[in-house]
Structure formats: structure tokens, C-alpha cells
N, C-alpha and C. Protein backbone atom coordinates (compact mmCIF):
# COMPACT_ATOMS: atom_id res chain seq x y z
N UNK A 1 0.83 -1.17 -0.05
CA UNK A 1 0.03 -0.02 -0.05
C UNK A 1 0.90 1.27 0.00
N UNK A 2 0.47 2.14 -0.74
CA UNK A 2 1.07 3.47 -0.83
C UNK A 2 0.75 4.37 0.43
N UNK A 3 1.49 5.40 0.80
CA UNK A 3 1.05 6.21 1.84
C UNK A 3 -0.22 6.98 1.45
N UNK A 4 -1.11 7.03 2.36
CA UNK A 4 -2.36 7.89 2.04
C UNK A 4 -2.29 9.20 2.71
N UNK A 5 -2.95 10.24 2.19
CA UNK A 5 -3.18 11.52 2.86
C UNK A 5 -4.32 11.44 3.63
N UNK A 6 -4.18 11.58 4.93
CA UNK A 6 -5.31 11.24 5.91
C UNK A 6 -5.72 12.56 6.65
N UNK A 7 -6.88 13.02 6.42
CA UNK A 7 -7.38 14.23 7.14
C UNK A 7 -7.87 13.85 8.53
N UNK A 8 -7.28 14.41 9.58
CA UNK A 8 -7.65 14.24 10.99
C UNK A 8 -8.72 15.18 11.24
N UNK A 9 -9.97 14.66 11.57
CA UNK A 9 -11.10 15.42 11.77
C UNK A 9 -11.53 15.25 13.35
N UNK A 10 -11.64 16.30 13.99
CA UNK A 10 -12.14 16.35 15.42
C UNK A 10 -12.30 17.73 15.96
N UNK A 11 -12.68 17.83 17.26
CA UNK A 11 -12.84 19.25 17.86
C UNK A 11 -11.69 20.04 17.75
N UNK A 12 -11.90 21.35 17.31
CA UNK A 12 -10.91 22.33 17.42
C UNK A 12 -11.38 23.46 18.33
N UNK A 13 -12.50 24.14 17.92
CA UNK A 13 -13.04 25.12 18.66
C UNK A 13 -14.24 24.67 19.64
N UNK A 14 -14.82 23.58 19.16
CA UNK A 14 -15.88 23.01 19.79
C UNK A 14 -15.74 22.70 21.39
N UNK A 15 -16.71 23.21 22.03
CA UNK A 15 -16.65 22.97 23.45
C UNK A 15 -15.69 23.82 24.28
N UNK A 16 -15.19 24.89 23.67
CA UNK A 16 -14.07 25.67 24.30
C UNK A 16 -14.61 27.08 24.73
N UNK A 17 -15.80 27.46 24.21
CA UNK A 17 -16.23 28.92 24.40
C UNK A 17 -15.25 30.01 24.21
N UNK A 18 -14.42 29.57 23.17
CA UNK A 18 -13.30 30.53 22.73
C UNK A 18 -12.14 30.64 23.66
N UNK A 19 -12.00 29.77 24.76
CA UNK A 19 -10.84 29.79 25.60
C UNK A 19 -9.59 29.29 24.82
N UNK A 20 -8.69 30.16 24.77
CA UNK A 20 -7.42 29.77 24.00
C UNK A 20 -6.75 28.56 24.52
N UNK A 21 -6.78 28.24 25.89
CA UNK A 21 -6.12 27.21 26.36
C UNK A 21 -6.79 25.81 25.99
N UNK A 22 -8.07 25.86 25.89
CA UNK A 22 -8.91 24.71 25.58
C UNK A 22 -8.71 24.52 24.11
N UNK A 23 -8.72 25.66 23.29
CA UNK A 23 -8.39 25.48 21.88
C UNK A 23 -7.16 24.87 21.47
N UNK A 24 -6.09 25.22 22.35
CA UNK A 24 -4.67 24.71 22.13
C UNK A 24 -4.74 23.25 22.52
N UNK A 25 -5.41 22.90 23.59
CA UNK A 25 -5.62 21.57 24.07
C UNK A 25 -6.07 20.64 22.97
N UNK A 26 -7.27 21.10 22.29
CA UNK A 26 -7.89 20.50 21.25
C UNK A 26 -6.92 20.21 20.03
N UNK A 27 -6.13 21.26 19.73
CA UNK A 27 -5.30 21.14 18.59
C UNK A 27 -4.10 20.07 18.95
N UNK A 28 -3.71 20.08 20.20
CA UNK A 28 -2.75 19.12 20.58
C UNK A 28 -3.33 17.68 20.40
N UNK A 29 -4.56 17.54 20.79
CA UNK A 29 -5.22 16.15 20.52
C UNK A 29 -5.18 15.82 19.04
N UNK A 30 -5.53 16.79 18.34
CA UNK A 30 -5.49 16.49 16.82
C UNK A 30 -4.08 16.14 16.31
N UNK A 31 -3.13 16.94 16.90
CA UNK A 31 -1.75 16.62 16.52
C UNK A 31 -1.24 15.33 17.00
N UNK A 32 -1.70 14.92 18.15
CA UNK A 32 -1.26 13.50 18.57
C UNK A 32 -1.79 12.52 17.76
N UNK A 33 -3.00 12.73 17.18
CA UNK A 33 -3.55 11.62 16.25
C UNK A 33 -2.88 11.74 14.99
N UNK A 34 -2.36 12.93 14.53
CA UNK A 34 -1.67 13.03 13.30
C UNK A 34 -0.38 12.34 13.51
N UNK A 35 0.38 12.41 14.51
CA UNK A 35 1.65 11.70 14.79
C UNK A 35 1.34 10.14 14.68
N UNK A 36 0.28 9.78 15.23
CA UNK A 36 -0.01 8.25 15.24
C UNK A 36 -0.22 7.82 13.82
N UNK A 37 -0.96 8.71 13.00
CA UNK A 37 -1.16 8.38 11.62
C UNK A 37 0.17 8.28 10.83
N UNK A 38 1.08 9.24 11.07
CA UNK A 38 2.32 9.26 10.53
C UNK A 38 3.19 7.98 10.84
N UNK A 39 3.04 7.63 12.00
CA UNK A 39 3.76 6.40 12.43
C UNK A 39 3.23 5.08 11.84
N UNK A 40 1.98 5.16 11.35
CA UNK A 40 1.44 4.04 10.52
C UNK A 40 1.80 4.07 9.13
N UNK A 41 2.72 5.02 8.72
CA UNK A 41 3.18 5.20 7.33
C UNK A 41 2.39 6.08 6.45
N UNK A 42 1.50 6.90 6.94
CA UNK A 42 0.76 7.87 6.10
C UNK A 42 1.13 9.18 6.31
N UNK A 43 0.55 10.17 5.48
CA UNK A 43 0.75 11.60 5.70
C UNK A 43 -0.49 12.20 6.25
N UNK A 44 -0.34 12.71 7.53
CA UNK A 44 -1.62 13.16 8.14
C UNK A 44 -1.65 14.76 7.87
N UNK A 45 -2.82 15.25 7.91
CA UNK A 45 -3.04 16.74 7.65
C UNK A 45 -4.26 17.18 8.49
N UNK A 46 -4.10 18.30 9.15
CA UNK A 46 -5.18 18.97 9.93
C UNK A 46 -5.65 20.23 9.15
N UNK A 47 -6.85 20.43 8.95
CA UNK A 47 -7.34 21.64 8.13
C UNK A 47 -6.75 22.91 8.73
N UNK A 48 -6.79 22.94 10.11
CA UNK A 48 -6.33 24.27 10.71
C UNK A 48 -4.88 24.67 10.38
N UNK A 49 -4.06 23.50 10.16
CA UNK A 49 -2.62 23.74 9.87
C UNK A 49 -2.59 24.64 8.48
N UNK A 50 -3.46 24.54 7.61
CA UNK A 50 -3.51 25.33 6.36
C UNK A 50 -4.35 26.62 6.53
N UNK A 51 -5.47 26.44 7.06
CA UNK A 51 -6.50 27.50 7.13
C UNK A 51 -6.05 28.71 8.06
N UNK A 52 -5.47 28.44 9.16
CA UNK A 52 -5.12 29.52 10.11
C UNK A 52 -4.08 30.44 9.53
N UNK A 53 -2.96 29.97 8.96
CA UNK A 53 -1.90 30.86 8.31
C UNK A 53 -2.59 31.77 7.20
N UNK A 54 -3.44 31.05 6.36
CA UNK A 54 -4.09 31.76 5.31
C UNK A 54 -5.00 32.91 5.82
N UNK A 55 -5.75 32.44 6.87
CA UNK A 55 -6.62 33.59 7.36
C UNK A 55 -5.90 34.71 7.97
N UNK A 56 -4.70 34.44 8.62
CA UNK A 56 -3.80 35.51 9.25
C UNK A 56 -3.37 36.35 8.11
N UNK A 57 -2.95 35.73 7.09
CA UNK A 57 -2.30 36.65 5.90
C UNK A 57 -3.42 37.37 5.19
N UNK A 58 -4.68 36.91 5.22
CA UNK A 58 -5.81 37.62 4.70
C UNK A 58 -6.26 38.71 5.59
N UNK A 59 -5.75 38.86 6.71
CA UNK A 59 -6.14 40.01 7.61
C UNK A 59 -6.98 39.60 8.79
N UNK A 60 -7.12 38.34 9.16
CA UNK A 60 -7.84 37.98 10.30
C UNK A 60 -7.07 38.36 11.51
N UNK A 61 -7.80 39.01 12.44
CA UNK A 61 -7.20 39.62 13.67
C UNK A 61 -7.51 38.58 14.93
N UNK A 62 -8.47 37.72 14.80
CA UNK A 62 -8.74 36.85 15.81
C UNK A 62 -9.52 35.68 15.35
N UNK A 63 -9.39 34.55 16.00
CA UNK A 63 -10.21 33.26 15.58
C UNK A 63 -11.69 33.67 15.73
N UNK A 64 -12.46 33.22 14.74
CA UNK A 64 -13.83 33.49 14.73
C UNK A 64 -14.29 34.82 14.04
N UNK A 65 -13.40 35.57 13.74
CA UNK A 65 -13.79 36.82 13.02
C UNK A 65 -14.19 36.44 11.56
N UNK A 66 -14.84 37.44 10.83
CA UNK A 66 -15.40 37.08 9.55
C UNK A 66 -14.32 36.56 8.61
N UNK A 67 -13.11 37.02 8.59
CA UNK A 67 -11.98 36.65 7.72
C UNK A 67 -11.63 35.10 8.16
N UNK A 68 -11.40 34.91 9.36
CA UNK A 68 -11.07 33.47 9.62
C UNK A 68 -12.16 32.52 9.28
N UNK A 69 -13.38 32.98 9.58
CA UNK A 69 -14.57 32.03 9.17
C UNK A 69 -14.54 31.74 7.73
N UNK A 70 -14.15 32.75 6.90
CA UNK A 70 -14.20 32.45 5.46
C UNK A 70 -13.01 31.50 4.93
N UNK A 71 -12.14 31.13 5.89
CA UNK A 71 -11.21 30.15 5.49
C UNK A 71 -11.29 28.75 6.23
N UNK A 72 -11.70 28.84 7.46
CA UNK A 72 -11.74 27.47 8.21
C UNK A 72 -12.45 26.37 7.55
N UNK A 73 -13.65 26.44 7.37
CA UNK A 73 -14.41 25.39 6.56
C UNK A 73 -14.23 25.28 5.19
N UNK A 74 -14.04 26.32 4.52
CA UNK A 74 -13.78 26.20 3.00
C UNK A 74 -12.43 25.42 2.68
N UNK A 75 -11.41 25.69 3.51
CA UNK A 75 -10.19 25.07 3.38
C UNK A 75 -10.40 23.53 3.47
N UNK A 76 -11.07 23.18 4.58
CA UNK A 76 -11.35 21.70 4.88
C UNK A 76 -12.10 21.25 3.66
N UNK A 77 -13.08 21.79 3.09
CA UNK A 77 -13.73 21.29 2.02
C UNK A 77 -12.80 21.04 0.73
N UNK A 78 -11.96 21.93 0.49
CA UNK A 78 -11.06 21.80 -0.67
C UNK A 78 -10.00 20.59 -0.25
N UNK A 79 -9.60 20.66 0.89
CA UNK A 79 -8.62 19.78 1.32
C UNK A 79 -9.05 18.24 1.30
N UNK A 80 -10.41 18.12 1.58
CA UNK A 80 -10.97 16.71 1.45
C UNK A 80 -10.90 16.15 0.18
N UNK A 81 -10.96 17.11 -0.88
CA UNK A 81 -10.94 16.48 -2.31
C UNK A 81 -9.51 16.05 -2.62
N UNK A 82 -8.63 16.33 -1.86
CA UNK A 82 -7.11 15.80 -2.09
C UNK A 82 -6.81 14.66 -1.23
N UNK A 83 -7.61 14.40 -0.24
CA UNK A 83 -7.37 13.36 0.71
C UNK A 83 -7.80 12.02 0.19
N UNK A 84 -7.02 10.98 0.87
CA UNK A 84 -7.57 9.52 0.47
C UNK A 84 -8.47 9.01 1.62
N UNK A 85 -8.49 9.51 2.73
CA UNK A 85 -9.34 9.09 3.89
C UNK A 85 -9.37 10.14 4.98
N UNK A 86 -10.26 9.72 5.90
CA UNK A 86 -10.51 10.65 7.10
C UNK A 86 -10.40 9.80 8.27
N UNK A 87 -9.67 10.39 9.32
CA UNK A 87 -9.70 9.69 10.64
C UNK A 87 -10.52 10.68 11.57
N UNK A 88 -11.65 10.22 12.03
CA UNK A 88 -12.45 10.99 12.88
C UNK A 88 -12.30 10.67 14.26
N UNK A 89 -11.57 11.63 15.04
CA UNK A 89 -11.31 11.29 16.41
C UNK A 89 -12.41 11.73 17.29
N UNK A 90 -12.46 11.24 18.53
CA UNK A 90 -13.57 11.45 19.46
C UNK A 90 -13.75 12.90 19.74
N UNK A 91 -14.96 13.30 20.11
CA UNK A 91 -15.36 14.60 20.58
C UNK A 91 -16.34 15.22 19.62
N UNK A 92 -17.27 15.98 20.24
CA UNK A 92 -18.30 16.67 19.55
C UNK A 92 -17.76 17.80 18.72
N UNK A 93 -18.14 17.82 17.47
CA UNK A 93 -17.65 18.88 16.48
C UNK A 93 -18.46 18.81 15.27
N UNK A 94 -19.19 19.91 15.04
CA UNK A 94 -20.04 20.11 13.88
C UNK A 94 -19.04 20.11 12.59
N UNK A 95 -18.01 20.84 12.72
CA UNK A 95 -17.18 20.85 11.62
C UNK A 95 -16.49 19.45 11.15
N UNK A 96 -16.11 18.74 12.22
CA UNK A 96 -15.64 17.29 11.91
C UNK A 96 -16.69 16.46 11.41
N UNK A 97 -17.91 16.60 11.98
CA UNK A 97 -19.08 15.75 11.44
C UNK A 97 -19.28 16.15 10.02
N UNK A 98 -19.19 17.48 9.60
CA UNK A 98 -19.36 17.87 8.20
C UNK A 98 -18.31 17.30 7.36
N UNK A 99 -17.07 17.24 7.82
CA UNK A 99 -16.04 16.61 7.08
C UNK A 99 -16.27 15.14 6.78
N UNK A 100 -16.82 14.39 7.85
CA UNK A 100 -17.18 12.96 7.65
C UNK A 100 -18.29 12.87 6.54
N UNK A 101 -19.30 13.70 6.75
CA UNK A 101 -20.35 13.69 5.73
C UNK A 101 -19.79 13.91 4.26
N UNK A 102 -18.94 14.84 4.15
CA UNK A 102 -18.36 15.22 2.76
C UNK A 102 -17.46 14.01 2.28
N UNK A 103 -16.74 13.51 3.25
CA UNK A 103 -15.91 12.41 2.80
C UNK A 103 -16.64 11.24 2.33
N UNK A 104 -17.82 10.89 2.98
CA UNK A 104 -18.75 9.79 2.47
C UNK A 104 -19.18 10.09 1.17
N UNK A 105 -19.60 11.37 1.05
CA UNK A 105 -20.14 11.71 -0.34
C UNK A 105 -19.12 11.65 -1.39
N UNK A 106 -17.84 11.77 -1.08
CA UNK A 106 -16.76 11.63 -2.08
C UNK A 106 -16.32 10.19 -2.12
N UNK A 107 -16.88 9.29 -1.43
CA UNK A 107 -16.56 7.87 -1.47
C UNK A 107 -15.24 7.60 -0.75
N UNK A 108 -14.80 8.43 0.22
CA UNK A 108 -13.59 8.27 0.94
C UNK A 108 -13.79 7.34 2.16
N UNK A 109 -12.91 6.52 2.59
CA UNK A 109 -13.01 5.74 3.81
C UNK A 109 -12.97 6.76 4.92
N UNK A 110 -13.77 6.45 5.94
CA UNK A 110 -13.79 7.26 7.23
C UNK A 110 -13.42 6.27 8.33
N UNK A 111 -12.32 6.43 9.04
CA UNK A 111 -11.89 5.59 10.16
C UNK A 111 -12.35 6.27 11.44
N UNK A 112 -12.73 5.47 12.41
CA UNK A 112 -13.10 6.05 13.70
C UNK A 112 -12.14 5.55 14.79
N UNK A 113 -11.23 4.78 14.42
CA UNK A 113 -10.21 4.21 15.34
C UNK A 113 -8.91 4.13 14.61
N UNK A 114 -7.84 4.46 15.16
CA UNK A 114 -6.50 4.31 14.66
C UNK A 114 -6.24 2.92 14.23
N UNK A 115 -6.66 1.99 15.03
CA UNK A 115 -6.38 0.52 14.76
C UNK A 115 -6.99 0.13 13.41
N UNK A 116 -7.98 0.85 12.98
CA UNK A 116 -8.69 0.39 11.72
C UNK A 116 -8.00 0.99 10.44
N UNK A 117 -7.05 1.98 10.63
CA UNK A 117 -6.38 2.48 9.58
C UNK A 117 -5.28 1.59 9.05
N UNK A 118 -5.22 1.24 7.85
CA UNK A 118 -4.18 0.26 7.27
C UNK A 118 -2.82 0.82 7.63
N UNK A 119 -1.88 -0.12 7.77
CA UNK A 119 -0.57 0.24 7.93
C UNK A 119 0.19 0.11 6.64
N UNK A 120 1.00 1.16 6.43
CA UNK A 120 1.73 1.22 5.06
C UNK A 120 3.06 0.60 5.33
N UNK A 121 3.14 -0.77 5.01
CA UNK A 121 4.30 -1.42 5.31
C UNK A 121 5.60 -0.85 4.72
N UNK A 122 6.67 -0.88 5.53
CA UNK A 122 7.93 -0.38 5.00
C UNK A 122 8.15 1.08 5.34
N UNK A 123 7.07 1.78 5.82
CA UNK A 123 7.14 3.18 6.12
C UNK A 123 6.68 3.55 7.51
N UNK A 124 6.49 2.39 8.29
CA UNK A 124 6.01 2.60 9.61
C UNK A 124 7.37 3.27 10.50
N UNK A 125 6.98 4.31 11.29
CA UNK A 125 7.91 5.04 11.97
C UNK A 125 7.83 4.59 13.50
N UNK A 126 8.96 4.38 14.13
CA UNK A 126 8.97 3.97 15.50
C UNK A 126 9.31 5.16 16.40
N UNK A 127 9.63 6.40 15.90
CA UNK A 127 9.93 7.54 16.64
C UNK A 127 8.75 8.09 17.34
């Protein structure tokens, strides 16, 4: 199997009430899942990794402003068209649920557990 581009979908802002520490904790959870996907031989991607710098360069002054909102979900929708699959991690998130819905419409596999994600033999990382 060749490495797949796997979108990690889960809570980012959900359940945080805008608290920066909680948002950072959610991002860390997403990034821990990304590392696990990488260690299985794939290329993980999180939509916020792309959307947040774009929003900043477009003039966003804070998360949730009109400019950032014009990037967060649209970037994820575009990104999904480039991905091979989605890993939906635990936690309530309308955005992640939308990612799953769109992935299914595109015919992409959606994994709900890391153990279900195929291992890309020869590329598994032990670091």
C-alpha cells in the first residue's frame, strides 16, 4: 500500500467557548492523532494547519472573525478533495461531522479508530 493523505477530523473550537487554552488542548489532541497516523506510514493533515496561516495573511485579527470564518471550513472542504481518507477522532464537533459527511459523499473511507487505519508497510515510524 502507498502512503495515504489522511485528514484528521475532530474538535478544534468545539466545547471551548473561545478559551485559548482549551483550543490549544484540542489542537494538541488533533496533532497527537496526526503523529499516530504518520507512524502508521501515512501523511496526516489537519485543516487548521492550512487555514489559520491563510486567514492570518488575509487579515484575520482573531479566531472566529469574519475573515477566519471564510477560511476554516472552506479550506477543509477543498482539502478533503485531495485526501484519501479521514480519521474522525472522538469529541463533539459540527465541523468534523461535516468533514465526515463530505468524505462519505466523495466515497472516501472514514476511520473512527486508529487501529482500523491500514499500515503502510515499509514506512512505519517508530519515533
